[in-house]
Amino acid sequence: MDERERQAELREARAKAELDKNSELEVARKQGKAIGLEEGKEENKVQTISHMKAQGLDAKTISKLTGYSIESVIKVFGSK
């Protein structure tokens, strides 16, 4: 293998490493976005239940109106 071939292989290896790095970063970005969306949904759920509780609604009614499980409503009731 001459120097030119060796240099070409090095360039190819560097390009592959860069693509791998970019792919890993993209996967991490998508995972982070998904986690953020789930956290936002959970925060919204807690706020909704808390506001309904503050209006005097009971856990069963909140569950029926929101579609949230009675267990999750009671969990929020207990944490506030």
N, C-alpha and C. Protein backbone atom coordinates (compact mmCIF):
# COMPACT_ATOMS: atom_id res chain seq x y z
N MET A 1 0.87 -1.18 0.00
CA MET A 1 0.00 0.00 0.00
C MET A 1 0.90 1.23 0.00
N ASP A 2 0.67 2.09 -0.96
CA ASP A 2 1.49 3.29 -1.01
C ASP A 2 0.86 4.41 -0.17
N GLU A 3 1.56 5.48 -0.09
CA GLU A 3 1.15 6.61 0.77
C GLU A 3 -0.20 7.19 0.35
N ARG A 4 -0.43 7.26 -0.93
CA ARG A 4 -1.70 7.81 -1.43
C ARG A 4 -2.88 6.94 -1.01
N GLU A 5 -2.73 5.64 -1.10
CA GLU A 5 -3.79 4.72 -0.67
C GLU A 5 -4.02 4.82 0.84
N ARG A 6 -2.91 4.92 1.57
CA ARG A 6 -3.02 5.05 3.02
C ARG A 6 -3.77 6.33 3.40
N GLN A 7 -3.47 7.41 2.73
CA GLN A 7 -4.14 8.69 2.99
C GLN A 7 -5.63 8.60 2.64
N ALA A 8 -5.94 7.92 1.56
CA ALA A 8 -7.34 7.74 1.16
C ALA A 8 -8.09 6.93 2.21
N GLU A 9 -7.47 5.88 2.72
CA GLU A 9 -8.10 5.08 3.77
C GLU A 9 -8.31 5.91 5.04
N LEU A 10 -7.35 6.74 5.39
CA LEU A 10 -7.49 7.60 6.56
C LEU A 10 -8.65 8.59 6.38
N ARG A 11 -8.75 9.18 5.20
CA ARG A 11 -9.86 10.11 4.93
C ARG A 11 -11.20 9.38 5.04
N GLU A 12 -11.25 8.18 4.50
CA GLU A 12 -12.48 7.39 4.54
C GLU A 12 -12.84 7.04 5.99
N ALA A 13 -11.86 6.66 6.76
CA ALA A 13 -12.10 6.33 8.18
C ALA A 13 -12.57 7.56 8.95
N ARG A 14 -11.98 8.71 8.67
CA ARG A 14 -12.40 9.94 9.34
C ARG A 14 -13.84 10.31 8.97
N ALA A 15 -14.16 10.16 7.70
CA ALA A 15 -15.52 10.47 7.24
C ALA A 15 -16.53 9.53 7.89
N LYS A 16 -16.20 8.25 7.99
CA LYS A 16 -17.09 7.29 8.63
C LYS A 16 -17.26 7.64 10.12
N ALA A 17 -16.17 7.99 10.78
CA ALA A 17 -16.24 8.36 12.19
C ALA A 17 -17.13 9.59 12.38
N GLU A 18 -17.02 10.54 11.49
CA GLU A 18 -17.84 11.75 11.57
C GLU A 18 -19.32 11.42 11.36
N LEU A 19 -19.62 10.55 10.40
CA LEU A 19 -21.00 10.13 10.18
C LEU A 19 -21.56 9.39 11.40
N ASP A 20 -20.74 8.52 11.98
CA ASP A 20 -21.16 7.79 13.18
C ASP A 20 -21.47 8.76 14.33
N LYS A 21 -20.60 9.73 14.50
CA LYS A 21 -20.78 10.73 15.56
C LYS A 21 -22.07 11.51 15.33
N ASN A 22 -22.29 11.94 14.10
CA ASN A 22 -23.50 12.70 13.79
C ASN A 22 -24.76 11.85 14.00
N SER A 23 -24.68 10.58 13.65
CA SER A 23 -25.83 9.69 13.86
C SER A 23 -26.13 9.54 15.35
N GLU A 24 -25.10 9.37 16.15
CA GLU A 24 -25.29 9.24 17.59
C GLU A 24 -25.89 10.52 18.18
N LEU A 25 -25.42 11.66 17.72
CA LEU A 25 -25.96 12.93 18.21
C LEU A 25 -27.43 13.10 17.83
N GLU A 26 -27.79 12.67 16.63
CA GLU A 26 -29.18 12.77 16.19
C GLU A 26 -30.09 11.87 17.02
N VAL A 27 -29.62 10.67 17.31
CA VAL A 27 -30.39 9.75 18.15
C VAL A 27 -30.57 10.35 19.55
N ALA A 28 -29.51 10.89 20.10
CA ALA A 28 -29.59 11.51 21.43
C ALA A 28 -30.54 12.70 21.43
N ARG A 29 -30.51 13.49 20.37
CA ARG A 29 -31.40 14.65 20.26
C ARG A 29 -32.86 14.19 20.24
N LYS A 30 -33.14 13.17 19.45
CA LYS A 30 -34.51 12.66 19.36
C LYS A 30 -34.97 12.07 20.69
N GLN A 31 -34.09 11.36 21.38
CA GLN A 31 -34.44 10.80 22.68
C GLN A 31 -34.71 11.92 23.68
N GLY A 32 -33.89 12.94 23.66
CA GLY A 32 -34.09 14.08 24.55
C GLY A 32 -35.40 14.79 24.29
N LYS A 33 -35.74 14.94 23.03
CA LYS A 33 -37.00 15.58 22.67
C LYS A 33 -38.18 14.75 23.16
N ALA A 34 -38.11 13.44 22.98
CA ALA A 34 -39.19 12.55 23.43
C ALA A 34 -39.35 12.61 24.94
N ILE A 35 -38.24 12.64 25.65
CA ILE A 35 -38.30 12.73 27.11
C ILE A 35 -38.92 14.06 27.52
N GLY A 36 -38.53 15.12 26.87
CA GLY A 36 -39.09 16.44 27.17
C GLY A 36 -40.59 16.51 26.93
N LEU A 37 -41.03 15.91 25.84
CA LEU A 37 -42.46 15.89 25.54
C LEU A 37 -43.23 15.12 26.61
N GLU A 38 -42.69 13.99 27.03
CA GLU A 38 -43.35 13.20 28.08
C GLU A 38 -43.40 13.96 29.39
N GLU A 39 -42.31 14.64 29.73
CA GLU A 39 -42.30 15.44 30.95
C GLU A 39 -43.34 16.56 30.88
N GLY A 40 -43.45 17.17 29.71
CA GLY A 40 -44.44 18.23 29.52
C GLY A 40 -45.86 17.72 29.65
N LYS A 41 -46.12 16.54 29.11
CA LYS A 41 -47.45 15.93 29.24
C LYS A 41 -47.77 15.65 30.69
N GLU A 42 -46.80 15.13 31.42
CA GLU A 42 -47.02 14.81 32.83
C GLU A 42 -47.25 16.08 33.64
N GLU A 43 -46.49 17.12 33.34
CA GLU A 43 -46.67 18.40 34.04
C GLU A 43 -48.06 18.97 33.77
N ASN A 44 -48.51 18.90 32.52
CA ASN A 44 -49.84 19.38 32.16
C ASN A 44 -50.92 18.59 32.88
N LYS A 45 -50.72 17.29 32.97
CA LYS A 45 -51.67 16.42 33.65
C LYS A 45 -51.79 16.82 35.13
N VAL A 46 -50.66 17.02 35.77
CA VAL A 46 -50.66 17.41 37.19
C VAL A 46 -51.36 18.76 37.37
N GLN A 47 -51.08 19.71 36.49
CA GLN A 47 -51.72 21.02 36.58
C GLN A 47 -53.23 20.92 36.38
N THR A 48 -53.64 20.14 35.39
CA THR A 48 -55.07 19.98 35.13
C THR A 48 -55.77 19.39 36.33
N ILE A 49 -55.21 18.32 36.87
CA ILE A 49 -55.82 17.68 38.03
C ILE A 49 -55.84 18.63 39.22
N SER A 50 -54.76 19.34 39.43
CA SER A 50 -54.68 20.28 40.56
C SER A 50 -55.72 21.39 40.43
N HIS A 51 -55.88 21.93 39.23
CA HIS A 51 -56.87 23.00 39.02
C HIS A 51 -58.29 22.48 39.24
N MET A 52 -58.55 21.28 38.77
CA MET A 52 -59.89 20.71 38.94
C MET A 52 -60.15 20.41 40.42
N LYS A 53 -59.13 19.95 41.11
CA LYS A 53 -59.26 19.69 42.55
C LYS A 53 -59.55 21.00 43.28
N ALA A 54 -58.85 22.06 42.88
CA ALA A 54 -59.05 23.37 43.51
C ALA A 54 -60.47 23.89 43.30
N GLN A 55 -61.11 23.43 42.24
CA GLN A 55 -62.50 23.82 41.97
C GLN A 55 -63.50 22.95 42.73
N GLY A 56 -62.96 22.03 43.53
CA GLY A 56 -63.82 21.21 44.37
C GLY A 56 -64.26 19.89 43.77
N LEU A 57 -63.68 19.52 42.64
CA LEU A 57 -64.06 18.25 42.03
C LEU A 57 -63.35 17.09 42.73
N ASP A 58 -64.05 15.98 42.85
CA ASP A 58 -63.45 14.80 43.48
C ASP A 58 -62.67 13.99 42.45
N ALA A 59 -61.87 13.05 42.95
CA ALA A 59 -60.99 12.27 42.09
C ALA A 59 -61.76 11.49 41.02
N LYS A 60 -62.89 10.92 41.39
CA LYS A 60 -63.68 10.13 40.43
C LYS A 60 -64.17 11.01 39.28
N THR A 61 -64.66 12.20 39.61
CA THR A 61 -65.16 13.12 38.58
C THR A 61 -64.03 13.59 37.68
N ILE A 62 -62.89 13.91 38.28
CA ILE A 62 -61.73 14.35 37.49
C ILE A 62 -61.30 13.23 36.54
N SER A 63 -61.26 12.02 37.04
CA SER A 63 -60.88 10.88 36.21
C SER A 63 -61.85 10.73 35.04
N LYS A 64 -63.13 10.86 35.31
CA LYS A 64 -64.15 10.70 34.27
C LYS A 64 -64.03 11.81 33.22
N LEU A 65 -63.82 13.04 33.66
CA LEU A 65 -63.77 14.18 32.74
C LEU A 65 -62.48 14.23 31.91
N THR A 66 -61.39 13.82 32.51
CA THR A 66 -60.09 13.94 31.83
C THR A 66 -59.66 12.68 31.10
N GLY A 67 -60.20 11.54 31.51
CA GLY A 67 -59.75 10.28 30.95
C GLY A 67 -58.51 9.74 31.63
N TYR A 68 -58.01 10.46 32.63
CA TYR A 68 -56.87 9.97 33.39
C TYR A 68 -57.35 8.86 34.32
N SER A 69 -56.49 7.91 34.58
CA SER A 69 -56.88 6.82 35.47
C SER A 69 -57.13 7.36 36.87
N ILE A 70 -58.02 6.69 37.59
CA ILE A 70 -58.31 7.10 38.96
C ILE A 70 -57.05 7.03 39.81
N GLU A 71 -56.19 6.06 39.52
CA GLU A 71 -54.93 5.92 40.26
C GLU A 71 -54.03 7.13 40.08
N SER A 72 -53.93 7.62 38.84
CA SER A 72 -53.07 8.77 38.60
C SER A 72 -53.64 10.03 39.23
N VAL A 73 -54.97 10.14 39.24
CA VAL A 73 -55.61 11.31 39.87
C VAL A 73 -55.36 11.27 41.37
N ILE A 74 -55.55 10.11 41.96
CA ILE A 74 -55.34 9.98 43.41
C ILE A 74 -53.87 10.23 43.75
N LYS A 75 -52.97 9.80 42.88
CA LYS A 75 -51.53 10.05 43.10
C LYS A 75 -51.25 11.54 43.17
N VAL A 76 -51.85 12.30 42.25
CA VAL A 76 -51.66 13.76 42.26
C VAL A 76 -52.33 14.37 43.50
N PHE A 77 -53.50 13.87 43.86
CA PHE A 77 -54.19 14.35 45.06
C PHE A 77 -53.28 14.18 46.28
N GLY A 78 -52.61 13.05 46.35
CA GLY A 78 -51.74 12.78 47.49
C GLY A 78 -50.46 13.59 47.50
N SER A 79 -50.02 14.05 46.33
CA SER A 79 -48.76 14.78 46.27
C SER A 79 -48.94 16.27 46.48
N LYS A 80 -50.16 16.74 46.53
CA LYS A 80 -50.40 18.18 46.69
C LYS A 80 -50.84 18.51 48.09
